[in-house]
Amino acid sequence: MIPIPTLPNLRDLGGWPAGVGRRVRAGLMFRSTDLGRLDGPGIEALGNLSLRTVIDLRTVAERQASPDQVPPGATLVLCDVLGDAPDAAPAQLPKVMADPRSAAAILGDGKAEEMFERGYRDIVGLPSALVAYRRFFATLASADSRPMLFHCTTGKDRTGWAAAVTLTLLGVSKEDVMRDYILTNSQLLPALRSVADRFAVAGGDPELLQPVLGVRPAYLEAAFGEVRQRYGSMDRYLCEGLEINDSLRQRLRDELTEKTIND
């Protein structure tokens, strides 16, 4: 975790084991929430990462509501994952928060979990998602674009899938991919405690927000399940869905992983 109070859930993807004798390089890929709340000290701290690219995975409405404050020297790249389904669950937190008293009808009795699992399937299958993640990986593939930071609104769903696919491509185990994903619960939820408090004051049940503000293994599994259903395997999703051929995949592994010290 990189401690910037106005940018929670900011972390480096580096360090994860990536097959025998290798690990993901540090300092090249970062994930976070959106950059709309950065203050002066936050922008200065983010500048210390020497970012060349910021990838925004949000919808048009989300970007308009909270425009990124991009650090000096970085280029903003837009990759609208949910452009074909802007009402999908991962983009609907502001709407739910705006009407706490009706939240039970929207989120209660397992509805929130069902919404998010469906939303994760959209993250894999929507045409806009395929276009967005193709652009994401085309950008990542350029050495001139790194170090790069990618984010959505809370840095957990669209961002979580981008991280999961990237780590999988680099040879990180399914168990460690899930560990990185679940880190959001410890790194983001404390920062959102005031959100839950305001929700309660406005008449909502904060317990309803737990499956909305955090992440659950079932959500990421829904995305992997959609990959299997549509493509049969992650390899085919990478090749046919995201247009990452074997040559590009190997180059990304060569450039984004390194030998461990003990190798």
C-alpha atoms as a PDB file:
ATOM      1  CA  MET A   1       0.000   0.000   0.000  1.00  0.00           C
ATOM      2  CA  ILE A   2       1.199   3.531  -0.829  1.00  0.00           C
ATOM      3  CA  PRO A   3      -0.201   5.959   1.780  1.00  0.00           C
ATOM      4  CA  ILE A   4      -1.848   8.937   0.073  1.00  0.00           C
ATOM      5  CA  PRO A   5      -4.938   9.889   2.140  1.00  0.00           C
ATOM      6  CA  THR A   6      -6.814  11.350  -0.839  1.00  0.00           C
ATOM      7  CA  LEU A   7      -6.049   8.309  -3.003  1.00  0.00           C
ATOM      8  CA  PRO A   8      -6.999   5.123  -1.118  1.00  0.00           C
ATOM      9  CA  ASN A   9      -6.455   1.628  -2.466  1.00  0.00           C
ATOM     10  CA  LEU A  10      -3.271   2.739  -4.233  1.00  0.00           C
ATOM     11  CA  ARG A  11      -0.808  -0.094  -4.588  1.00  0.00           C
ATOM     12  CA  ASP A  12       1.976  -1.420  -6.773  1.00  0.00           C
ATOM     13  CA  LEU A  13       1.325  -4.656  -8.680  1.00  0.00           C
ATOM     14  CA  GLY A  14       4.986  -5.525  -8.293  1.00  0.00           C
ATOM     15  CA  GLY A  15       6.350  -8.241  -6.074  1.00  0.00           C
ATOM     16  CA  TRP A  16       3.979 -11.116  -6.789  1.00  0.00           C
ATOM     17  CA  PRO A  17       5.676 -14.424  -7.723  1.00  0.00           C
ATOM     18  CA  ALA A  18       5.337 -14.947 -11.486  1.00  0.00           C
ATOM     19  CA  GLY A  19       6.329 -18.522 -12.070  1.00  0.00           C
ATOM     20  CA  VAL A  20       9.473 -20.355 -11.074  1.00  0.00           C
ATOM     21  CA  GLY A  21      12.291 -17.951 -10.293  1.00  0.00           C
ATOM     22  CA  ARG A  22      10.476 -14.794 -11.392  1.00  0.00           C
ATOM     23  CA  ARG A  23       8.355 -12.029  -9.889  1.00  0.00           C
ATOM     24  CA  VAL A  24       6.429  -9.011 -11.157  1.00  0.00           C
ATOM     25  CA  ARG A  25       8.646  -5.930 -11.407  1.00  0.00           C
ATOM     26  CA  ALA A  26       7.908  -3.142  -8.945  1.00  0.00           C
ATOM     27  CA  GLY A  27       7.422   0.488  -9.901  1.00  0.00           C
ATOM     28  CA  LEU A  28       5.825  -0.080 -13.313  1.00  0.00           C
ATOM     29  CA  MET A  29       2.106  -0.724 -12.694  1.00  0.00           C
ATOM     30  CA  PHE A  30      -0.099   0.846 -10.054  1.00  0.00           C
ATOM     31  CA  ARG A  31      -3.825   0.575  -9.286  1.00  0.00           C
ATOM     32  CA  SER A  32      -6.019   2.981  -7.309  1.00  0.00           C
ATOM     33  CA  THR A  33      -9.333   4.766  -6.946  1.00  0.00           C
ATOM     34  CA  ASP A  34     -10.081   7.746  -9.215  1.00  0.00           C
ATOM     35  CA  LEU A  35      -7.867  10.827  -8.991  1.00  0.00           C
ATOM     36  CA  GLY A  36     -10.689  13.323  -8.556  1.00  0.00           C
ATOM     37  CA  ARG A  37     -10.153  13.942  -4.832  1.00  0.00           C
ATOM     38  CA  LEU A  38      -6.409  14.516  -4.897  1.00  0.00           C
ATOM     39  CA  ASP A  39      -5.253  17.587  -3.005  1.00  0.00           C
ATOM     40  CA  GLY A  40      -1.937  19.417  -3.400  1.00  0.00           C
ATOM     41  CA  PRO A  41       0.090  17.080  -1.168  1.00  0.00           C
ATOM     42  CA  GLY A  42      -1.572  14.091  -2.829  1.00  0.00           C
ATOM     43  CA  ILE A  43      -0.635  15.249  -6.319  1.00  0.00           C
ATOM     44  CA  GLU A  44       2.919  15.876  -5.134  1.00  0.00           C
ATOM     45  CA  ALA A  45       3.135  12.407  -3.569  1.00  0.00           C
ATOM     46  CA  LEU A  46       1.709  10.779  -6.683  1.00  0.00           C
ATOM     47  CA  GLY A  47       4.266  12.670  -8.742  1.00  0.00           C
ATOM     48  CA  ASN A  48       6.988  10.762  -6.908  1.00  0.00           C
ATOM     49  CA  LEU A  49       5.912   7.636  -8.811  1.00  0.00           C
ATOM     50  CA  SER A  50       7.091   9.280 -12.070  1.00  0.00           C
ATOM     51  CA  LEU A  51       3.962   8.162 -13.883  1.00  0.00           C
ATOM     52  CA  ARG A  52       3.890   8.456 -17.655  1.00  0.00           C
ATOM     53  CA  THR A  53       0.312   7.243 -18.119  1.00  0.00           C
ATOM     54  CA  VAL A  54      -2.978   7.259 -16.212  1.00  0.00           C
ATOM     55  CA  ILE A  55      -5.629   4.887 -17.563  1.00  0.00           C
ATOM     56  CA  ASP A  56      -9.224   5.779 -16.614  1.00  0.00           C
ATOM     57  CA  LEU A  57     -11.613   2.826 -16.894  1.00  0.00           C
ATOM     58  CA  ARG A  58     -14.758   4.796 -15.955  1.00  0.00           C
ATOM     59  CA  THR A  59     -17.870   5.806 -17.870  1.00  0.00           C
ATOM     60  CA  VAL A  60     -18.404   9.297 -19.258  1.00  0.00           C
ATOM     61  CA  ALA A  61     -20.811  10.175 -16.424  1.00  0.00           C
ATOM     62  CA  GLU A  62     -18.306   9.067 -13.780  1.00  0.00           C
ATOM     63  CA  ARG A  63     -15.515  11.084 -15.372  1.00  0.00           C
ATOM     64  CA  GLN A  64     -17.691  14.169 -15.549  1.00  0.00           C
ATOM     65  CA  ALA A  65     -18.727  13.819 -11.899  1.00  0.00           C
ATOM     66  CA  SER A  66     -15.130  13.511 -10.671  1.00  0.00           C
ATOM     67  CA  PRO A  67     -12.514  14.474 -13.279  1.00  0.00           C
ATOM     68  CA  ASP A  68      -9.042  13.054 -12.767  1.00  0.00           C
ATOM     69  CA  GLN A  69      -6.293  15.345 -11.558  1.00  0.00           C
ATOM     70  CA  VAL A  70      -3.477  13.909 -13.617  1.00  0.00           C
ATOM     71  CA  PRO A  71       0.031  14.465 -12.234  1.00  0.00           C
ATOM     72  CA  PRO A  72       2.474  16.500 -14.331  1.00  0.00           C
ATOM     73  CA  GLY A  73       4.190  14.484 -17.035  1.00  0.00           C
ATOM     74  CA  ALA A  74       1.480  11.834 -17.303  1.00  0.00           C
ATOM     75  CA  THR A  75      -0.849  11.260 -20.265  1.00  0.00           C
ATOM     76  CA  LEU A  76      -4.500  10.395 -19.633  1.00  0.00           C
ATOM     77  CA  VAL A  77      -5.869   7.413 -21.612  1.00  0.00           C
ATOM     78  CA  LEU A  78      -9.634   6.746 -21.551  1.00  0.00           C
ATOM     79  CA  CYS A  79     -10.822   3.120 -21.609  1.00  0.00           C
ATOM     80  CA  ASP A  80     -14.571   3.082 -20.939  1.00  0.00           C
ATOM     81  CA  VAL A  81     -15.206  -0.527 -19.932  1.00  0.00           C
ATOM     82  CA  LEU A  82     -18.942  -0.147 -19.312  1.00  0.00           C
ATOM     83  CA  GLY A  83     -19.752   2.212 -22.165  1.00  0.00           C
ATOM     84  CA  ASP A  84     -22.293  -0.276 -23.520  1.00  0.00           C
ATOM     85  CA  ALA A  85     -23.904  -0.759 -20.087  1.00  0.00           C
ATOM     86  CA  PRO A  86     -23.390   2.404 -18.002  1.00  0.00           C
ATOM     87  CA  ASP A  87     -26.018   1.212 -15.507  1.00  0.00           C
ATOM     88  CA  ALA A  88     -24.041  -1.915 -14.607  1.00  0.00           C
ATOM     89  CA  ALA A  89     -23.458  -2.388 -10.873  1.00  0.00           C
ATOM     90  CA  PRO A  90     -19.763  -1.366 -10.773  1.00  0.00           C
ATOM     91  CA  ALA A  91     -20.708   2.143 -11.966  1.00  0.00           C
ATOM     92  CA  GLN A  92     -23.794   2.631  -9.782  1.00  0.00           C
ATOM     93  CA  LEU A  93     -22.419   3.432  -6.319  1.00  0.00           C
ATOM     94  CA  PRO A  94     -23.277   7.171  -6.538  1.00  0.00           C
ATOM     95  CA  LYS A  95     -26.866   6.349  -7.495  1.00  0.00           C
ATOM     96  CA  VAL A  96     -27.316   3.982  -4.556  1.00  0.00           C
ATOM     97  CA  MET A  97     -25.779   6.467  -2.144  1.00  0.00           C
ATOM     98  CA  ALA A  98     -28.127   9.212  -3.329  1.00  0.00           C
ATOM     99  CA  ASP A  99     -31.231   7.364  -2.081  1.00  0.00           C
ATOM    100  CA  PRO A 100     -30.359   5.398   1.092  1.00  0.00           C
ATOM    101  CA  ARG A 101     -33.973   4.763   2.111  1.00  0.00           C
ATOM    102  CA  SER A 102     -34.704   2.787  -1.053  1.00  0.00           C
ATOM    103  CA  ALA A 103     -31.424   0.871  -0.898  1.00  0.00           C
ATOM    104  CA  ALA A 104     -32.976  -2.200   0.745  1.00  0.00           C
ATOM    105  CA  ALA A 105     -35.185  -2.796  -2.289  1.00  0.00           C
ATOM    106  CA  ILE A 106     -32.171  -2.500  -4.589  1.00  0.00           C
ATOM    107  CA  LEU A 107     -29.502  -4.267  -2.537  1.00  0.00           C
ATOM    108  CA  GLY A 108     -31.240  -6.489   0.030  1.00  0.00           C
ATOM    109  CA  ASP A 109     -31.858 -10.255  -0.018  1.00  0.00           C
ATOM    110  CA  GLY A 110     -28.726 -10.996  -2.024  1.00  0.00           C
ATOM    111  CA  LYS A 111     -29.593  -8.566  -4.821  1.00  0.00           C
ATOM    112  CA  ALA A 112     -26.328  -6.653  -4.423  1.00  0.00           C
ATOM    113  CA  GLU A 113     -24.248  -9.785  -4.858  1.00  0.00           C
ATOM    114  CA  GLU A 114     -26.275 -10.817  -7.904  1.00  0.00           C
ATOM    115  CA  MET A 115     -25.863  -7.332  -9.404  1.00  0.00           C
ATOM    116  CA  PHE A 116     -22.121  -7.372  -8.971  1.00  0.00           C
ATOM    117  CA  GLU A 117     -21.662 -10.883 -10.286  1.00  0.00           C
ATOM    118  CA  ARG A 118     -23.659  -9.859 -13.355  1.00  0.00           C
ATOM    119  CA  GLY A 119     -21.572  -6.697 -13.603  1.00  0.00           C
ATOM    120  CA  TYR A 120     -18.359  -8.724 -13.575  1.00  0.00           C
ATOM    121  CA  ARG A 121     -19.667 -10.870 -16.392  1.00  0.00           C
ATOM    122  CA  ASP A 122     -20.314  -7.635 -18.306  1.00  0.00           C
ATOM    123  CA  ILE A 123     -16.730  -6.586 -17.645  1.00  0.00           C
ATOM    124  CA  VAL A 124     -15.658  -9.635 -19.628  1.00  0.00           C
ATOM    125  CA  GLY A 125     -18.322  -9.855 -22.312  1.00  0.00           C
ATOM    126  CA  LEU A 126     -19.431  -6.362 -23.319  1.00  0.00           C
ATOM    127  CA  PRO A 127     -18.079  -5.100 -26.662  1.00  0.00           C
ATOM    128  CA  SER A 128     -17.050  -1.869 -24.911  1.00  0.00           C
ATOM    129  CA  ALA A 129     -15.157  -3.920 -22.314  1.00  0.00           C
ATOM    130  CA  LEU A 130     -13.215  -5.785 -24.993  1.00  0.00           C
ATOM    131  CA  VAL A 131     -12.313  -2.521 -26.721  1.00  0.00           C
ATOM    132  CA  ALA A 132     -11.312  -0.900 -23.420  1.00  0.00           C
ATOM    133  CA  TYR A 133      -9.114  -3.727 -22.207  1.00  0.00           C
ATOM    134  CA  ARG A 134      -7.513  -4.100 -25.637  1.00  0.00           C
ATOM    135  CA  ARG A 135      -6.526  -0.445 -25.395  1.00  0.00           C
ATOM    136  CA  PHE A 136      -5.384  -1.001 -21.819  1.00  0.00           C
ATOM    137  CA  PHE A 137      -2.973  -3.753 -22.877  1.00  0.00           C
ATOM    138  CA  ALA A 138      -1.855  -1.925 -26.017  1.00  0.00           C
ATOM    139  CA  THR A 139      -0.886   0.972 -23.753  1.00  0.00           C
ATOM    140  CA  LEU A 140       0.788  -1.297 -21.208  1.00  0.00           C
ATOM    141  CA  ALA A 141       2.783  -2.916 -24.010  1.00  0.00           C
ATOM    142  CA  SER A 142       4.539   0.366 -24.815  1.00  0.00           C
ATOM    143  CA  ALA A 143       7.598   0.914 -22.642  1.00  0.00           C
ATOM    144  CA  ASP A 144       7.146   4.649 -23.128  1.00  0.00           C
ATOM    145  CA  SER A 145       3.791   4.408 -21.295  1.00  0.00           C
ATOM    146  CA  ARG A 146       5.302   3.014 -18.125  1.00  0.00           C
ATOM    147  CA  PRO A 147       5.176   3.545 -15.197  1.00  0.00           C
ATOM    148  CA  MET A 148       1.396   3.626 -15.469  1.00  0.00           C
ATOM    149  CA  LEU A 149      -1.522   3.842 -13.065  1.00  0.00           C
ATOM    150  CA  PHE A 150      -4.981   2.473 -13.843  1.00  0.00           C
ATOM    151  CA  HIS A 151      -8.218   3.032 -11.986  1.00  0.00           C
ATOM    152  CA  CYS A 152     -12.006   3.149 -12.061  1.00  0.00           C
ATOM    153  CA  THR A 153     -14.090   4.860  -9.357  1.00  0.00           C
ATOM    154  CA  THR A 154     -13.253   2.822  -6.268  1.00  0.00           C
ATOM    155  CA  GLY A 155     -10.418   0.871  -7.841  1.00  0.00           C
ATOM    156  CA  LYS A 156     -11.900  -2.532  -7.140  1.00  0.00           C
ATOM    157  CA  ASP A 157     -14.105  -3.912  -9.965  1.00  0.00           C
ATOM    158  CA  ARG A 158     -13.026  -2.796 -13.441  1.00  0.00           C
ATOM    159  CA  THR A 159      -9.603  -2.104 -11.942  1.00  0.00           C
ATOM    160  CA  GLY A 160      -9.679  -5.441 -10.148  1.00  0.00           C
ATOM    161  CA  TRP A 161     -10.274  -7.294 -13.414  1.00  0.00           C
ATOM    162  CA  ALA A 162      -7.519  -5.342 -15.194  1.00  0.00           C
ATOM    163  CA  ALA A 163      -5.119  -6.326 -12.406  1.00  0.00           C
ATOM    164  CA  ALA A 164      -6.304  -9.940 -12.376  1.00  0.00           C
ATOM    165  CA  VAL A 165      -5.822 -10.359 -16.130  1.00  0.00           C
ATOM    166  CA  THR A 166      -2.446  -8.625 -16.061  1.00  0.00           C
ATOM    167  CA  LEU A 167      -1.125 -10.760 -13.223  1.00  0.00           C
ATOM    168  CA  THR A 168      -2.502 -13.931 -14.806  1.00  0.00           C
ATOM    169  CA  LEU A 169      -0.851 -13.070 -18.121  1.00  0.00           C
ATOM    170  CA  LEU A 170       2.462 -12.580 -16.293  1.00  0.00           C
ATOM    171  CA  GLY A 171       2.300 -16.022 -14.717  1.00  0.00           C
ATOM    172  CA  VAL A 172       1.016 -15.174 -11.237  1.00  0.00           C
ATOM    173  CA  SER A 173      -0.952 -18.003  -9.625  1.00  0.00           C
ATOM    174  CA  LYS A 174      -4.733 -17.894  -9.286  1.00  0.00           C
ATOM    175  CA  GLU A 175      -4.319 -17.846  -5.500  1.00  0.00           C
ATOM    176  CA  ASP A 176      -2.085 -14.764  -5.575  1.00  0.00           C
ATOM    177  CA  VAL A 177      -4.317 -13.057  -8.128  1.00  0.00           C
ATOM    178  CA  MET A 178      -7.163 -13.474  -5.650  1.00  0.00           C
ATOM    179  CA  ARG A 179      -4.974 -12.238  -2.791  1.00  0.00           C
ATOM    180  CA  ASP A 180      -4.234  -9.026  -4.665  1.00  0.00           C
ATOM    181  CA  TYR A 181      -7.941  -8.622  -5.415  1.00  0.00           C
ATOM    182  CA  ILE A 182      -9.027  -9.142  -1.796  1.00  0.00           C
ATOM    183  CA  LEU A 183      -6.471  -6.605  -0.515  1.00  0.00           C
ATOM    184  CA  THR A 184      -9.046  -3.979  -1.482  1.00  0.00           C
ATOM    185  CA  ASN A 185     -11.118  -4.909   1.571  1.00  0.00           C
ATOM    186  CA  SER A 186      -8.346  -3.908   3.958  1.00  0.00           C
ATOM    187  CA  GLN A 187      -7.038  -0.962   1.937  1.00  0.00           C
ATOM    188  CA  LEU A 188     -10.271   0.666   0.754  1.00  0.00           C
ATOM    189  CA  LEU A 189     -13.021  -0.090   3.288  1.00  0.00           C
ATOM    190  CA  PRO A 190     -11.411   1.867   6.161  1.00  0.00           C
ATOM    191  CA  ALA A 191     -11.285   4.935   3.920  1.00  0.00           C
ATOM    192  CA  LEU A 192     -14.986   4.532   3.125  1.00  0.00           C
ATOM    193  CA  ARG A 193     -16.148   4.344   6.743  1.00  0.00           C
ATOM    194  CA  SER A 194     -17.422   7.915   6.573  1.00  0.00           C
ATOM    195  CA  VAL A 195     -19.467   6.965   3.489  1.00  0.00           C
ATOM    196  CA  ALA A 196     -21.218   4.232   5.449  1.00  0.00           C
ATOM    197  CA  ASP A 197     -21.761   6.629   8.364  1.00  0.00           C
ATOM    198  CA  ARG A 198     -23.424   9.224   6.127  1.00  0.00           C
ATOM    199  CA  PHE A 199     -25.527   6.495   4.572  1.00  0.00           C
ATOM    200  CA  ALA A 200     -26.769   5.480   8.031  1.00  0.00           C
ATOM    201  CA  VAL A 201     -27.528   9.068   9.053  1.00  0.00           C
ATOM    202  CA  ALA A 202     -29.617   9.456   5.880  1.00  0.00           C
ATOM    203  CA  GLY A 203     -31.731   6.449   6.851  1.00  0.00           C
ATOM    204  CA  GLY A 204     -29.920   3.592   5.131  1.00  0.00           C
ATOM    205  CA  ASP A 205     -28.702   0.322   6.614  1.00  0.00           C
ATOM    206  CA  PRO A 206     -24.887   0.356   6.372  1.00  0.00           C
ATOM    207  CA  GLU A 207     -24.827  -3.447   6.291  1.00  0.00           C
ATOM    208  CA  LEU A 208     -26.354  -3.234   2.825  1.00  0.00           C
ATOM    209  CA  LEU A 209     -23.207  -1.492   1.623  1.00  0.00           C
ATOM    210  CA  GLN A 210     -20.774  -4.269   2.543  1.00  0.00           C
ATOM    211  CA  PRO A 211     -21.138  -6.170  -0.754  1.00  0.00           C
ATOM    212  CA  VAL A 212     -21.089  -2.844  -2.633  1.00  0.00           C
ATOM    213  CA  LEU A 213     -18.112  -1.066  -1.096  1.00  0.00           C
ATOM    214  CA  GLY A 214     -15.905  -4.134  -0.781  1.00  0.00           C
ATOM    215  CA  VAL A 215     -15.020  -7.091  -2.975  1.00  0.00           C
ATOM    216  CA  ARG A 216     -15.890 -10.769  -2.699  1.00  0.00           C
ATOM    217  CA  PRO A 217     -14.197 -13.796  -4.264  1.00  0.00           C
ATOM    218  CA  ALA A 218     -17.488 -14.706  -5.961  1.00  0.00           C
ATOM    219  CA  TYR A 219     -17.345 -11.496  -8.004  1.00  0.00           C
ATOM    220  CA  LEU A 220     -13.943 -12.252  -9.509  1.00  0.00           C
ATOM    221  CA  GLU A 221     -14.935 -15.888  -9.973  1.00  0.00           C
ATOM    222  CA  ALA A 222     -17.956 -14.692 -11.976  1.00  0.00           C
ATOM    223  CA  ALA A 223     -15.593 -12.939 -14.385  1.00  0.00           C
ATOM    224  CA  PHE A 224     -13.354 -15.998 -14.708  1.00  0.00           C
ATOM    225  CA  GLY A 225     -16.488 -18.089 -15.247  1.00  0.00           C
ATOM    226  CA  GLU A 226     -17.598 -15.789 -18.050  1.00  0.00           C
ATOM    227  CA  VAL A 227     -14.185 -16.201 -19.663  1.00  0.00           C
ATOM    228  CA  ARG A 228     -14.567 -19.987 -19.563  1.00  0.00           C
ATOM    229  CA  GLN A 229     -18.099 -19.831 -20.940  1.00  0.00           C
ATOM    230  CA  ARG A 230     -17.287 -17.479 -23.805  1.00  0.00           C
ATOM    231  CA  TYR A 231     -13.748 -18.535 -24.696  1.00  0.00           C
ATOM    232  CA  GLY A 232     -13.088 -21.866 -23.037  1.00  0.00           C
ATOM    233  CA  SER A 233      -9.848 -20.705 -21.432  1.00  0.00           C
ATOM    234  CA  MET A 234      -7.965 -17.615 -20.298  1.00  0.00           C
ATOM    235  CA  ASP A 235      -5.449 -18.169 -23.090  1.00  0.00           C
ATOM    236  CA  ARG A 236      -8.175 -17.872 -25.728  1.00  0.00           C
ATOM    237  CA  TYR A 237      -9.648 -14.806 -23.994  1.00  0.00           C
ATOM    238  CA  LEU A 238      -6.249 -13.140 -24.117  1.00  0.00           C
ATOM    239  CA  CYS A 239      -5.682 -14.100 -27.756  1.00  0.00           C
ATOM    240  CA  GLU A 240      -9.140 -13.799 -29.322  1.00  0.00           C
ATOM    241  CA  GLY A 241     -10.852 -11.348 -26.961  1.00  0.00           C
ATOM    242  CA  LEU A 242      -7.990  -8.988 -26.125  1.00  0.00           C
ATOM    243  CA  GLU A 243      -5.810  -9.646 -29.185  1.00  0.00           C
ATOM    244  CA  ILE A 244      -2.712 -10.474 -27.161  1.00  0.00           C
ATOM    245  CA  ASN A 245      -0.754 -12.951 -29.270  1.00  0.00           C
ATOM    246  CA  ASP A 246       1.972 -15.255 -27.973  1.00  0.00           C
ATOM    247  CA  SER A 247       4.741 -12.888 -29.058  1.00  0.00           C
ATOM    248  CA  LEU A 248       3.234  -9.914 -27.226  1.00  0.00           C
ATOM    249  CA  ARG A 249       2.491 -12.035 -24.186  1.00  0.00           C
ATOM    250  CA  GLN A 250       6.115 -13.163 -23.991  1.00  0.00           C
ATOM    251  CA  ARG A 251       7.378  -9.605 -24.428  1.00  0.00           C
ATOM    252  CA  LEU A 252       5.157  -8.397 -21.594  1.00  0.00           C
ATOM    253  CA  ARG A 253       6.475 -11.185 -19.395  1.00  0.00           C
ATOM    254  CA  ASP A 254      10.060 -10.313 -20.287  1.00  0.00           C
ATOM    255  CA  GLU A 255       9.584  -6.602 -19.589  1.00  0.00           C
ATOM    256  CA  LEU A 256       7.232  -6.727 -16.604  1.00  0.00           C
ATOM    257  CA  THR A 257       8.791  -9.568 -14.624  1.00  0.00           C
ATOM    258  CA  GLU A 258      12.301 -10.163 -13.350  1.00  0.00           C
ATOM    259  CA  LYS A 259      14.409 -12.943 -11.914  1.00  0.00           C
ATOM    260  CA  THR A 260      14.236 -13.330  -8.167  1.00  0.00           C
ATOM    261  CA  ILE A 261      17.414 -12.705  -6.199  1.00  0.00           C
ATOM    262  CA  ASN A 262      17.772 -16.356  -5.245  1.00  0.00           C
ATOM    263  CA  ASP A 263      17.488 -17.600  -8.829  1.00  0.00           C
END
